[in-house]
Amino acid sequence: MTTLVNPLQHFAPTYTGVDDLPWVPFTPYTNEVELKILHVDLIKSETQMLLRAPGGASLGVHDHYGRVLVYTVRGKWRYAEHAWVSGPGDFVYEVANSRHTFIVEPDEGIEVFISVEGAIAFLGPSDEIIGHRAGPYVRRTIQRVLQEARDHTG
């Protein structure tokens, strides 16, 4: 009888206690929308995060080069280009190469869980790229927040 050995290394899951993570403004695009970065995989160019914003906030037109998964935790939001409104418990699947304008409904703030693959390009009034965000941006943001925390507790 032959014994098979699993050649794959087993890895432990990553646990993140989100209450201790800071909310970071999504600058330079807006100070109203804040991100809580949960996990970054620079190899796969994936980022998982929470996003919160007050009622009436928006992000400009942007393109996603990879797919995006969004689960609405609280509040209501929509894309200017579509007729639906996402509310608590709703799930939105965005295919790669999608373009839209994120708008929070005016009555209340939102919190959503987002999983982003690949880069995001923010567009100007003539569809020119005015900003580009991917995993390395998120990593630099995390490093900046950690340094600010060290300086504050210093």
N, C-alpha and C. Protein backbone atom coordinates (compact mmCIF):
# COMPACT_ATOMS: atom_id res chain seq x y z
N MET A 1 0.85 -1.18 0.00
CA MET A 1 0.00 0.00 0.00
C MET A 1 0.89 1.24 0.00
N THR A 2 0.53 2.19 -0.83
CA THR A 2 1.28 3.44 -0.96
C THR A 2 0.65 4.50 -0.07
N THR A 3 1.48 5.20 0.64
CA THR A 3 1.00 6.30 1.47
C THR A 3 1.25 7.60 0.72
N LEU A 4 0.20 8.38 0.56
CA LEU A 4 0.33 9.68 -0.11
C LEU A 4 0.59 10.76 0.94
N VAL A 5 1.51 11.62 0.61
CA VAL A 5 1.83 12.74 1.49
C VAL A 5 1.40 14.02 0.80
N ASN A 6 0.69 14.84 1.53
CA ASN A 6 0.26 16.12 0.97
C ASN A 6 1.47 17.05 0.92
N PRO A 7 1.90 17.44 -0.30
CA PRO A 7 3.09 18.29 -0.41
C PRO A 7 2.83 19.77 -0.11
N LEU A 8 1.58 20.13 0.06
CA LEU A 8 1.25 21.53 0.28
C LEU A 8 1.41 21.90 1.74
N GLN A 9 1.99 23.06 1.96
CA GLN A 9 2.12 23.57 3.32
C GLN A 9 0.78 24.12 3.77
N HIS A 10 0.44 23.90 5.00
CA HIS A 10 -0.82 24.42 5.54
C HIS A 10 -0.54 25.76 6.22
N PHE A 11 -1.42 26.71 5.97
CA PHE A 11 -1.26 28.04 6.53
C PHE A 11 -2.40 28.34 7.49
N ALA A 12 -2.11 29.09 8.49
CA ALA A 12 -3.13 29.49 9.46
C ALA A 12 -3.93 30.66 8.91
N PRO A 13 -5.19 30.76 9.26
CA PRO A 13 -5.98 31.92 8.83
C PRO A 13 -5.47 33.19 9.51
N THR A 14 -5.77 34.30 8.91
CA THR A 14 -5.41 35.59 9.50
C THR A 14 -6.62 36.14 10.25
N TYR A 15 -6.44 36.44 11.52
CA TYR A 15 -7.51 37.03 12.32
C TYR A 15 -7.21 38.52 12.48
N THR A 16 -8.22 39.34 12.30
CA THR A 16 -8.07 40.78 12.49
C THR A 16 -9.17 41.27 13.42
N GLY A 17 -8.79 41.82 14.54
CA GLY A 17 -9.75 42.46 15.45
C GLY A 17 -10.03 43.87 14.94
N VAL A 18 -11.15 44.04 14.27
CA VAL A 18 -11.41 45.29 13.55
C VAL A 18 -11.66 46.49 14.47
N ASP A 19 -12.08 46.26 15.69
CA ASP A 19 -12.34 47.39 16.58
C ASP A 19 -11.09 48.22 16.85
N ASP A 20 -9.93 47.60 16.78
CA ASP A 20 -8.68 48.30 17.05
C ASP A 20 -8.07 48.97 15.82
N LEU A 21 -8.63 48.73 14.65
CA LEU A 21 -8.09 49.32 13.43
C LEU A 21 -8.63 50.74 13.24
N PRO A 22 -7.81 51.65 12.71
CA PRO A 22 -8.28 53.03 12.51
C PRO A 22 -9.09 53.19 11.23
N TRP A 23 -9.98 54.16 11.23
CA TRP A 23 -10.64 54.61 10.01
C TRP A 23 -9.72 55.64 9.37
N VAL A 24 -9.50 55.51 8.07
CA VAL A 24 -8.58 56.39 7.35
C VAL A 24 -9.34 57.12 6.24
N PRO A 25 -9.26 58.45 6.18
CA PRO A 25 -9.94 59.18 5.09
C PRO A 25 -9.39 58.74 3.73
N PHE A 26 -10.28 58.63 2.76
CA PHE A 26 -9.89 58.21 1.41
C PHE A 26 -9.40 59.44 0.62
N THR A 27 -8.32 60.01 1.13
CA THR A 27 -7.73 61.19 0.50
C THR A 27 -6.82 60.73 -0.64
N PRO A 28 -6.63 61.50 -1.66
CA PRO A 28 -7.06 62.90 -1.83
C PRO A 28 -8.44 63.06 -2.44
N TYR A 29 -9.18 61.95 -2.61
CA TYR A 29 -10.47 62.03 -3.31
C TYR A 29 -11.57 62.62 -2.46
N THR A 30 -11.55 62.32 -1.19
CA THR A 30 -12.57 62.85 -0.28
C THR A 30 -12.12 62.63 1.15
N ASN A 31 -12.52 63.54 2.03
CA ASN A 31 -12.30 63.35 3.46
C ASN A 31 -13.53 62.73 4.12
N GLU A 32 -14.66 62.72 3.40
CA GLU A 32 -15.90 62.18 3.95
C GLU A 32 -15.92 60.66 3.98
N VAL A 33 -15.40 60.04 2.95
CA VAL A 33 -15.39 58.58 2.86
C VAL A 33 -14.16 58.06 3.61
N GLU A 34 -14.38 57.09 4.50
CA GLU A 34 -13.29 56.54 5.29
C GLU A 34 -13.19 55.03 5.06
N LEU A 35 -11.96 54.53 5.13
CA LEU A 35 -11.69 53.11 4.93
C LEU A 35 -11.09 52.53 6.20
N LYS A 36 -11.44 51.29 6.48
CA LYS A 36 -10.79 50.51 7.53
C LYS A 36 -10.22 49.30 6.80
N ILE A 37 -8.92 49.29 6.60
CA ILE A 37 -8.27 48.26 5.79
C ILE A 37 -8.09 47.01 6.63
N LEU A 38 -8.69 45.91 6.17
CA LEU A 38 -8.67 44.66 6.92
C LEU A 38 -7.56 43.73 6.49
N HIS A 39 -7.30 43.66 5.19
CA HIS A 39 -6.29 42.74 4.67
C HIS A 39 -5.82 43.21 3.30
N VAL A 40 -4.52 43.04 3.04
CA VAL A 40 -3.94 43.38 1.74
C VAL A 40 -3.10 42.20 1.28
N ASP A 41 -3.34 41.74 0.07
CA ASP A 41 -2.53 40.69 -0.54
C ASP A 41 -1.86 41.30 -1.76
N LEU A 42 -0.58 41.68 -1.61
CA LEU A 42 0.12 42.35 -2.70
C LEU A 42 0.43 41.40 -3.86
N ILE A 43 0.53 40.11 -3.59
CA ILE A 43 0.79 39.15 -4.65
C ILE A 43 -0.42 39.05 -5.59
N LYS A 44 -1.61 38.94 -5.01
CA LYS A 44 -2.83 38.81 -5.81
C LYS A 44 -3.48 40.16 -6.13
N SER A 45 -2.93 41.23 -5.59
CA SER A 45 -3.50 42.58 -5.74
C SER A 45 -4.95 42.61 -5.28
N GLU A 46 -5.17 42.13 -4.06
CA GLU A 46 -6.50 42.13 -3.46
C GLU A 46 -6.47 42.91 -2.15
N THR A 47 -7.56 43.62 -1.89
CA THR A 47 -7.70 44.35 -0.64
C THR A 47 -9.11 44.13 -0.11
N GLN A 48 -9.22 43.83 1.18
CA GLN A 48 -10.52 43.74 1.84
C GLN A 48 -10.58 44.88 2.85
N MET A 49 -11.72 45.55 2.87
CA MET A 49 -11.85 46.73 3.73
C MET A 49 -13.31 46.99 4.09
N LEU A 50 -13.48 47.81 5.11
CA LEU A 50 -14.77 48.39 5.40
C LEU A 50 -14.73 49.82 4.88
N LEU A 51 -15.84 50.30 4.39
CA LEU A 51 -15.96 51.68 3.93
C LEU A 51 -17.15 52.27 4.65
N ARG A 52 -16.98 53.49 5.17
CA ARG A 52 -18.12 54.19 5.77
C ARG A 52 -18.14 55.61 5.23
N ALA A 53 -19.35 56.16 5.19
CA ALA A 53 -19.51 57.52 4.67
C ALA A 53 -20.84 58.07 5.17
N PRO A 54 -20.91 59.39 5.36
CA PRO A 54 -22.17 60.01 5.78
C PRO A 54 -23.15 60.09 4.62
N GLY A 55 -24.43 60.29 4.96
CA GLY A 55 -25.45 60.46 3.94
C GLY A 55 -25.08 61.58 2.98
N GLY A 56 -25.29 61.35 1.68
CA GLY A 56 -25.01 62.35 0.66
C GLY A 56 -23.58 62.36 0.15
N ALA A 57 -22.69 61.59 0.75
CA ALA A 57 -21.29 61.55 0.29
C ALA A 57 -21.21 60.82 -1.05
N SER A 58 -20.13 61.05 -1.78
CA SER A 58 -19.94 60.35 -3.04
C SER A 58 -18.46 60.23 -3.37
N LEU A 59 -18.17 59.30 -4.25
CA LEU A 59 -16.85 59.17 -4.85
C LEU A 59 -17.03 59.43 -6.33
N GLY A 60 -16.09 60.11 -6.93
CA GLY A 60 -16.20 60.42 -8.35
C GLY A 60 -16.22 59.18 -9.22
N VAL A 61 -16.39 59.41 -10.49
CA VAL A 61 -16.40 58.32 -11.47
C VAL A 61 -15.08 57.57 -11.40
N HIS A 62 -15.17 56.24 -11.37
CA HIS A 62 -13.96 55.44 -11.33
C HIS A 62 -14.15 54.11 -12.05
N ASP A 63 -13.03 53.59 -12.55
CA ASP A 63 -12.99 52.30 -13.23
C ASP A 63 -12.34 51.28 -12.30
N HIS A 64 -12.88 50.06 -12.31
CA HIS A 64 -12.26 48.95 -11.59
C HIS A 64 -11.66 48.02 -12.64
N TYR A 65 -10.39 47.67 -12.48
CA TYR A 65 -9.73 46.77 -13.43
C TYR A 65 -9.92 45.31 -13.05
N GLY A 66 -10.33 45.05 -11.83
CA GLY A 66 -10.64 43.69 -11.37
C GLY A 66 -12.03 43.69 -10.79
N ARG A 67 -12.48 42.51 -10.37
CA ARG A 67 -13.84 42.44 -9.82
C ARG A 67 -13.88 43.03 -8.42
N VAL A 68 -15.08 43.44 -8.01
CA VAL A 68 -15.31 44.02 -6.69
C VAL A 68 -16.56 43.36 -6.10
N LEU A 69 -16.46 42.97 -4.83
CA LEU A 69 -17.59 42.40 -4.10
C LEU A 69 -17.95 43.37 -2.99
N VAL A 70 -19.23 43.72 -2.89
CA VAL A 70 -19.67 44.68 -1.88
C VAL A 70 -20.87 44.11 -1.12
N TYR A 71 -20.77 44.10 0.21
CA TYR A 71 -21.87 43.69 1.07
C TYR A 71 -22.26 44.89 1.93
N THR A 72 -23.51 45.28 1.88
CA THR A 72 -23.98 46.44 2.63
C THR A 72 -24.32 46.04 4.06
N VAL A 73 -23.62 46.64 5.01
CA VAL A 73 -23.83 46.37 6.43
C VAL A 73 -24.95 47.26 6.97
N ARG A 74 -24.87 48.57 6.66
CA ARG A 74 -25.92 49.50 7.10
C ARG A 74 -26.00 50.65 6.11
N GLY A 75 -27.17 51.28 6.08
CA GLY A 75 -27.39 52.42 5.20
C GLY A 75 -27.74 52.01 3.78
N LYS A 76 -27.90 53.02 2.92
CA LYS A 76 -28.27 52.78 1.52
C LYS A 76 -27.35 53.58 0.60
N TRP A 77 -26.97 52.96 -0.51
CA TRP A 77 -26.09 53.59 -1.48
C TRP A 77 -26.47 53.09 -2.88
N ARG A 78 -25.91 53.75 -3.88
CA ARG A 78 -26.21 53.37 -5.27
C ARG A 78 -25.09 53.85 -6.18
N TYR A 79 -25.20 53.46 -7.43
CA TYR A 79 -24.34 54.01 -8.47
C TYR A 79 -25.20 54.91 -9.33
N ALA A 80 -24.70 56.08 -9.67
CA ALA A 80 -25.46 57.04 -10.47
C ALA A 80 -25.90 56.44 -11.80
N GLU A 81 -25.15 55.48 -12.29
CA GLU A 81 -25.41 54.90 -13.61
C GLU A 81 -26.45 53.78 -13.61
N HIS A 82 -26.99 53.41 -12.43
CA HIS A 82 -27.94 52.30 -12.35
C HIS A 82 -29.16 52.69 -11.54
N ALA A 83 -30.27 51.95 -11.72
CA ALA A 83 -31.54 52.29 -11.08
C ALA A 83 -31.69 51.69 -9.69
N TRP A 84 -30.92 50.68 -9.31
CA TRP A 84 -31.09 50.02 -8.02
C TRP A 84 -30.44 50.80 -6.89
N VAL A 85 -30.89 50.50 -5.67
CA VAL A 85 -30.31 51.05 -4.44
C VAL A 85 -29.98 49.87 -3.53
N SER A 86 -28.75 49.80 -3.04
CA SER A 86 -28.32 48.72 -2.15
C SER A 86 -28.58 49.12 -0.70
N GLY A 87 -29.22 48.21 0.05
CA GLY A 87 -29.50 48.44 1.46
C GLY A 87 -28.92 47.34 2.32
N PRO A 88 -29.12 47.40 3.64
CA PRO A 88 -28.56 46.41 4.55
C PRO A 88 -28.87 44.97 4.11
N GLY A 89 -27.81 44.16 4.06
CA GLY A 89 -27.95 42.76 3.66
C GLY A 89 -27.83 42.53 2.17
N ASP A 90 -27.79 43.58 1.37
CA ASP A 90 -27.67 43.41 -0.09
C ASP A 90 -26.23 43.16 -0.49
N PHE A 91 -26.07 42.48 -1.62
CA PHE A 91 -24.76 42.11 -2.15
C PHE A 91 -24.66 42.61 -3.59
N VAL A 92 -23.53 43.23 -3.92
CA VAL A 92 -23.29 43.73 -5.28
C VAL A 92 -22.01 43.07 -5.79
N TYR A 93 -22.09 42.49 -6.98
CA TYR A 93 -20.94 41.88 -7.65
C TYR A 93 -20.61 42.75 -8.86
N GLU A 94 -19.43 43.30 -8.87
CA GLU A 94 -19.00 44.15 -9.99
C GLU A 94 -17.99 43.38 -10.82
N VAL A 95 -18.27 43.27 -12.10
CA VAL A 95 -17.33 42.60 -12.99
C VAL A 95 -16.12 43.49 -13.24
N ALA A 96 -15.03 42.87 -13.65
CA ALA A 96 -13.83 43.64 -14.01
C ALA A 96 -14.18 44.60 -15.14
N ASN A 97 -13.50 45.72 -15.15
CA ASN A 97 -13.68 46.76 -16.15
C ASN A 97 -15.04 47.45 -16.03
N SER A 98 -15.54 47.61 -14.80
CA SER A 98 -16.78 48.34 -14.60
C SER A 98 -16.47 49.80 -14.26
N ARG A 99 -17.38 50.66 -14.62
CA ARG A 99 -17.24 52.11 -14.36
C ARG A 99 -18.51 52.58 -13.68
N HIS A 100 -18.35 53.40 -12.63
CA HIS A 100 -19.52 53.91 -11.94
C HIS A 100 -19.15 55.07 -11.02
N THR A 101 -20.21 55.70 -10.49
CA THR A 101 -20.09 56.81 -9.55
C THR A 101 -20.83 56.42 -8.27
N PHE A 102 -20.11 56.25 -7.18
CA PHE A 102 -20.64 55.80 -5.90
C PHE A 102 -21.32 56.96 -5.18
N ILE A 103 -22.59 56.76 -4.76
CA ILE A 103 -23.36 57.82 -4.09
C ILE A 103 -24.07 57.22 -2.88
N VAL A 104 -23.90 57.86 -1.72
CA VAL A 104 -24.62 57.46 -0.51
C VAL A 104 -25.95 58.19 -0.50
N GLU A 105 -27.02 57.45 -0.24
CA GLU A 105 -28.33 58.08 -0.15
C GLU A 105 -28.30 59.13 0.97
N PRO A 106 -29.05 60.23 0.82
CA PRO A 106 -28.92 61.37 1.75
C PRO A 106 -29.45 61.15 3.15
N ASP A 107 -30.30 60.13 3.38
CA ASP A 107 -30.97 60.02 4.67
C ASP A 107 -30.11 59.49 5.81
N GLU A 108 -29.06 58.69 5.52
CA GLU A 108 -28.25 58.13 6.60
C GLU A 108 -26.88 57.72 6.07
N GLY A 109 -25.94 57.54 6.99
CA GLY A 109 -24.62 57.08 6.61
C GLY A 109 -24.63 55.60 6.27
N ILE A 110 -23.54 55.14 5.70
CA ILE A 110 -23.42 53.74 5.32
C ILE A 110 -22.16 53.11 5.90
N GLU A 111 -22.18 51.78 5.93
CA GLU A 111 -20.98 50.98 6.15
C GLU A 111 -21.11 49.76 5.26
N VAL A 112 -20.08 49.50 4.46
CA VAL A 112 -20.08 48.36 3.55
C VAL A 112 -18.76 47.60 3.68
N PHE A 113 -18.82 46.30 3.43
CA PHE A 113 -17.62 45.48 3.33
C PHE A 113 -17.31 45.36 1.85
N ILE A 114 -16.04 45.60 1.48
CA ILE A 114 -15.64 45.57 0.08
C ILE A 114 -14.41 44.70 -0.08
N SER A 115 -14.43 43.87 -1.12
CA SER A 115 -13.26 43.10 -1.53
C SER A 115 -12.93 43.53 -2.95
N VAL A 116 -11.73 44.10 -3.13
CA VAL A 116 -11.33 44.66 -4.42
C VAL A 116 -10.16 43.86 -4.98
N GLU A 117 -10.27 43.46 -6.24
CA GLU A 117 -9.17 42.84 -6.96
C GLU A 117 -8.62 43.86 -7.94
N GLY A 118 -7.33 44.03 -7.98
CA GLY A 118 -6.73 44.91 -8.97
C GLY A 118 -6.84 46.38 -8.60
N ALA A 119 -6.53 47.19 -9.58
CA ALA A 119 -6.44 48.64 -9.39
C ALA A 119 -7.77 49.34 -9.64
N ILE A 120 -7.83 50.57 -9.16
CA ILE A 120 -8.96 51.47 -9.40
C ILE A 120 -8.39 52.74 -10.01
N ALA A 121 -9.03 53.23 -11.06
CA ALA A 121 -8.62 54.49 -11.67
C ALA A 121 -9.74 55.51 -11.49
N PHE A 122 -9.42 56.65 -10.87
CA PHE A 122 -10.39 57.73 -10.73
C PHE A 122 -10.27 58.64 -11.94
N LEU A 123 -11.44 59.08 -12.44
CA LEU A 123 -11.49 59.80 -13.70
C LEU A 123 -11.92 61.25 -13.52
N GLY A 124 -11.39 62.11 -14.37
CA GLY A 124 -11.75 63.51 -14.39
C GLY A 124 -12.92 63.76 -15.33
N PRO A 125 -13.29 65.03 -15.53
CA PRO A 125 -14.46 65.38 -16.33
C PRO A 125 -14.37 64.96 -17.80
N SER A 126 -13.17 64.77 -18.31
CA SER A 126 -13.00 64.34 -19.71
C SER A 126 -12.55 62.89 -19.78
N ASP A 127 -12.88 62.10 -18.76
CA ASP A 127 -12.50 60.69 -18.66
C ASP A 127 -11.00 60.46 -18.57
N GLU A 128 -10.25 61.51 -18.24
CA GLU A 128 -8.81 61.34 -18.04
C GLU A 128 -8.56 60.77 -16.65
N ILE A 129 -7.53 59.95 -16.52
CA ILE A 129 -7.19 59.36 -15.22
C ILE A 129 -6.54 60.43 -14.35
N ILE A 130 -7.17 60.69 -13.19
CA ILE A 130 -6.62 61.69 -12.26
C ILE A 130 -6.01 61.03 -11.03
N GLY A 131 -6.21 59.73 -10.89
CA GLY A 131 -5.64 59.00 -9.77
C GLY A 131 -5.75 57.52 -9.99
N HIS A 132 -4.81 56.80 -9.44
CA HIS A 132 -4.75 55.35 -9.64
C HIS A 132 -4.41 54.72 -8.30
N ARG A 133 -5.22 53.76 -7.86
CA ARG A 133 -5.00 53.13 -6.56
C ARG A 133 -4.96 51.62 -6.71
N ALA A 134 -3.98 51.00 -6.06
CA ALA A 134 -3.85 49.54 -6.05
C ALA A 134 -3.23 49.13 -4.72
N GLY A 135 -2.90 47.85 -4.58
CA GLY A 135 -2.35 47.31 -3.34
C GLY A 135 -1.22 48.11 -2.73
N PRO A 136 -0.20 48.53 -3.53
CA PRO A 136 0.89 49.31 -2.93
C PRO A 136 0.41 50.61 -2.27
N TYR A 137 -0.62 51.27 -2.82
CA TYR A 137 -1.19 52.46 -2.18
C TYR A 137 -1.74 52.11 -0.81
N VAL A 138 -2.45 50.99 -0.75
CA VAL A 138 -3.04 50.56 0.52
C VAL A 138 -1.93 50.26 1.52
N ARG A 139 -0.88 49.59 1.07
CA ARG A 139 0.24 49.29 1.96
C ARG A 139 0.86 50.58 2.50
N ARG A 140 1.07 51.57 1.63
CA ARG A 140 1.63 52.85 2.08
C ARG A 140 0.69 53.54 3.05
N THR A 141 -0.61 53.44 2.82
CA THR A 141 -1.59 54.04 3.73
C THR A 141 -1.49 53.39 5.10
N ILE A 142 -1.39 52.07 5.14
CA ILE A 142 -1.25 51.36 6.41
C ILE A 142 0.02 51.81 7.12
N GLN A 143 1.12 51.89 6.38
CA GLN A 143 2.39 52.32 6.99
C GLN A 143 2.28 53.73 7.56
N ARG A 144 1.61 54.63 6.84
CA ARG A 144 1.43 56.01 7.31
C ARG A 144 0.60 56.05 8.59
N VAL A 145 -0.49 55.28 8.61
CA VAL A 145 -1.36 55.25 9.79
C VAL A 145 -0.61 54.70 10.99
N LEU A 146 0.16 53.63 10.78
CA LEU A 146 0.94 53.06 11.88
C LEU A 146 1.98 54.05 12.40
N GLN A 147 2.63 54.79 11.50
CA GLN A 147 3.61 55.77 11.92
C GLN A 147 2.95 56.90 12.71
N GLU A 148 1.78 57.34 12.25
CA GLU A 148 1.05 58.38 12.98
C GLU A 148 0.67 57.90 14.38
N ALA A 149 0.28 56.63 14.49
CA ALA A 149 -0.08 56.07 15.79
C ALA A 149 1.15 56.03 16.69
N ARG A 150 2.30 55.61 16.13
CA ARG A 150 3.54 55.59 16.92
C ARG A 150 3.93 56.98 17.36
N ASP A 151 3.81 57.97 16.45
CA ASP A 151 4.15 59.35 16.80
C ASP A 151 3.23 59.89 17.90
N HIS A 152 1.96 59.50 17.84
CA HIS A 152 0.97 59.98 18.80
C HIS A 152 1.20 59.39 20.19
N THR A 153 1.61 58.11 20.23
CA THR A 153 1.80 57.45 21.52
C THR A 153 3.24 57.60 22.01
N GLY A 154 4.13 58.00 21.10
CA GLY A 154 5.52 58.15 21.26
C GLY A 154 6.12 58.44 22.50
